[in-house]
Amino acid sequence: MVEQLLQGEVQVNRIKMDNKIKQTILEYKSSSNKDLETAITYLNKEHDQTKELIIKLSYHLDAIENSYNKLVKEYKNRNLV
């Protein structure tokens, strides 16, 4: 398993997905072209959704950080007086 992770393979037992997709990922050498295409389509969709979520979370994190910094600055200004 460690070798698979080092080679960049998907750790399918930790990813929630259809068993057929998991099987195709694990046994890709012997999977049919149709199964490969199905898995590729699924992984592409999953990748795009995850990427979009990360971008949205990044904007959210930036907004939280800006609000936090603004409040800390105001708090410090009030306590210096």
C-alpha atoms as a PDB file:
ATOM      1  CA  MET A   1       0.000   0.000   0.000  1.00  0.00           C
ATOM      2  CA  VAL A   2       2.825   2.421   0.814  1.00  0.00           C
ATOM      3  CA  GLU A   3       4.342   1.792  -2.603  1.00  0.00           C
ATOM      4  CA  GLN A   4       1.008   2.596  -4.253  1.00  0.00           C
ATOM      5  CA  LEU A   5       0.768   5.884  -2.372  1.00  0.00           C
ATOM      6  CA  LEU A   6       4.331   6.792  -3.299  1.00  0.00           C
ATOM      7  CA  GLN A   7       3.496   6.140  -6.941  1.00  0.00           C
ATOM      8  CA  GLY A   8       0.526   8.522  -6.706  1.00  0.00           C
ATOM      9  CA  GLU A   9      -2.178   5.871  -6.948  1.00  0.00           C
ATOM     10  CA  VAL A  10      -5.623   6.593  -5.566  1.00  0.00           C
ATOM     11  CA  GLN A  11      -6.196   5.206  -2.120  1.00  0.00           C
ATOM     12  CA  VAL A  12      -9.616   3.894  -3.048  1.00  0.00           C
ATOM     13  CA  ASN A  13     -10.545   2.468   0.334  1.00  0.00           C
ATOM     14  CA  ARG A  14     -10.802   6.000   1.757  1.00  0.00           C
ATOM     15  CA  ILE A  15     -12.791   7.474  -1.100  1.00  0.00           C
ATOM     16  CA  LYS A  16     -16.552   7.019  -1.166  1.00  0.00           C
ATOM     17  CA  MET A  17     -17.408   5.720  -4.624  1.00  0.00           C
ATOM     18  CA  ASP A  18     -19.165   2.930  -6.434  1.00  0.00           C
ATOM     19  CA  ASN A  19     -17.555  -0.490  -5.987  1.00  0.00           C
ATOM     20  CA  LYS A  20     -17.246  -0.910  -9.765  1.00  0.00           C
ATOM     21  CA  ILE A  21     -15.222   2.318  -9.971  1.00  0.00           C
ATOM     22  CA  LYS A  22     -12.997   1.149  -7.106  1.00  0.00           C
ATOM     23  CA  GLN A  23     -12.489  -2.193  -8.804  1.00  0.00           C
ATOM     24  CA  THR A  24     -11.607  -0.496 -12.089  1.00  0.00           C
ATOM     25  CA  ILE A  25      -9.046   1.736 -10.366  1.00  0.00           C
ATOM     26  CA  LEU A  26      -7.472  -1.209  -8.567  1.00  0.00           C
ATOM     27  CA  GLU A  27      -7.541  -3.541 -11.560  1.00  0.00           C
ATOM     28  CA  TYR A  28      -7.141  -1.058 -14.396  1.00  0.00           C
ATOM     29  CA  LYS A  29      -4.810  -3.291 -16.391  1.00  0.00           C
ATOM     30  CA  SER A  30      -7.496  -5.940 -16.816  1.00  0.00           C
ATOM     31  CA  SER A  31     -10.551  -3.645 -16.976  1.00  0.00           C
ATOM     32  CA  SER A  32     -12.525  -3.183 -20.170  1.00  0.00           C
ATOM     33  CA  ASN A  33     -12.347   0.049 -22.138  1.00  0.00           C
ATOM     34  CA  LYS A  34     -15.942   0.795 -21.155  1.00  0.00           C
ATOM     35  CA  ASP A  35     -15.086   0.421 -17.461  1.00  0.00           C
ATOM     36  CA  LEU A  36     -12.016   2.616 -17.919  1.00  0.00           C
ATOM     37  CA  GLU A  37     -14.125   5.260 -19.656  1.00  0.00           C
ATOM     38  CA  THR A  38     -16.724   5.156 -16.872  1.00  0.00           C
ATOM     39  CA  ALA A  39     -14.045   5.512 -14.193  1.00  0.00           C
ATOM     40  CA  ILE A  40     -12.311   8.322 -16.100  1.00  0.00           C
ATOM     41  CA  THR A  41     -15.590  10.214 -16.463  1.00  0.00           C
ATOM     42  CA  TYR A  42     -16.364   9.760 -12.770  1.00  0.00           C
ATOM     43  CA  LEU A  43     -12.884  10.844 -11.655  1.00  0.00           C
ATOM     44  CA  ASN A  44     -12.912  13.840 -13.992  1.00  0.00           C
ATOM     45  CA  LYS A  45     -16.261  14.995 -12.575  1.00  0.00           C
ATOM     46  CA  GLU A  46     -15.044  14.378  -9.018  1.00  0.00           C
ATOM     47  CA  HIS A  47     -11.844  16.324  -9.734  1.00  0.00           C
ATOM     48  CA  ASP A  48     -13.754  19.303 -11.139  1.00  0.00           C
ATOM     49  CA  GLN A  49     -16.182  19.380  -8.210  1.00  0.00           C
ATOM     50  CA  THR A  50     -13.379  19.128  -5.668  1.00  0.00           C
ATOM     51  CA  LYS A  51     -11.393  21.851  -7.395  1.00  0.00           C
ATOM     52  CA  GLU A  52     -14.444  24.139  -7.427  1.00  0.00           C
ATOM     53  CA  LEU A  53     -15.070  23.475  -3.738  1.00  0.00           C
ATOM     54  CA  ILE A  54     -11.448  24.236  -2.843  1.00  0.00           C
ATOM     55  CA  ILE A  55     -11.637  27.544  -4.713  1.00  0.00           C
ATOM     56  CA  LYS A  56     -14.878  28.487  -2.927  1.00  0.00           C
ATOM     57  CA  LEU A  57     -13.382  27.514   0.432  1.00  0.00           C
ATOM     58  CA  SER A  58     -10.290  29.565  -0.358  1.00  0.00           C
ATOM     59  CA  TYR A  59     -12.417  32.675  -0.955  1.00  0.00           C
ATOM     60  CA  HIS A  60     -14.333  31.948   2.238  1.00  0.00           C
ATOM     61  CA  LEU A  61     -11.108  31.577   4.205  1.00  0.00           C
ATOM     62  CA  ASP A  62      -9.815  34.877   2.791  1.00  0.00           C
ATOM     63  CA  ALA A  63     -13.025  36.645   3.837  1.00  0.00           C
ATOM     64  CA  ILE A  64     -12.786  35.212   7.355  1.00  0.00           C
ATOM     65  CA  GLU A  65      -9.144  36.251   7.618  1.00  0.00           C
ATOM     66  CA  ASN A  66      -9.926  39.792   6.435  1.00  0.00           C
ATOM     67  CA  SER A  67     -12.777  40.152   8.934  1.00  0.00           C
ATOM     68  CA  TYR A  68     -10.613  38.761  11.724  1.00  0.00           C
ATOM     69  CA  ASN A  69      -7.747  41.119  10.927  1.00  0.00           C
ATOM     70  CA  LYS A  70     -10.112  44.094  10.792  1.00  0.00           C
ATOM     71  CA  LEU A  71     -11.581  43.239  14.203  1.00  0.00           C
ATOM     72  CA  VAL A  72      -8.182  42.616  15.798  1.00  0.00           C
ATOM     73  CA  LYS A  73      -6.890  45.932  14.474  1.00  0.00           C
ATOM     74  CA  GLU A  74      -9.906  47.780  15.890  1.00  0.00           C
ATOM     75  CA  TYR A  75      -9.605  45.971  19.213  1.00  0.00           C
ATOM     76  CA  LYS A  76      -5.926  46.842  19.512  1.00  0.00           C
ATOM     77  CA  ASN A  77      -6.595  50.490  18.606  1.00  0.00           C
ATOM     78  CA  ARG A  78      -9.235  50.746  21.337  1.00  0.00           C
ATOM     79  CA  ASN A  79      -6.981  49.218  23.970  1.00  0.00           C
ATOM     80  CA  LEU A  80      -4.010  51.465  23.236  1.00  0.00           C
ATOM     81  CA  VAL A  81      -5.870  54.542  24.382  1.00  0.00           C
END
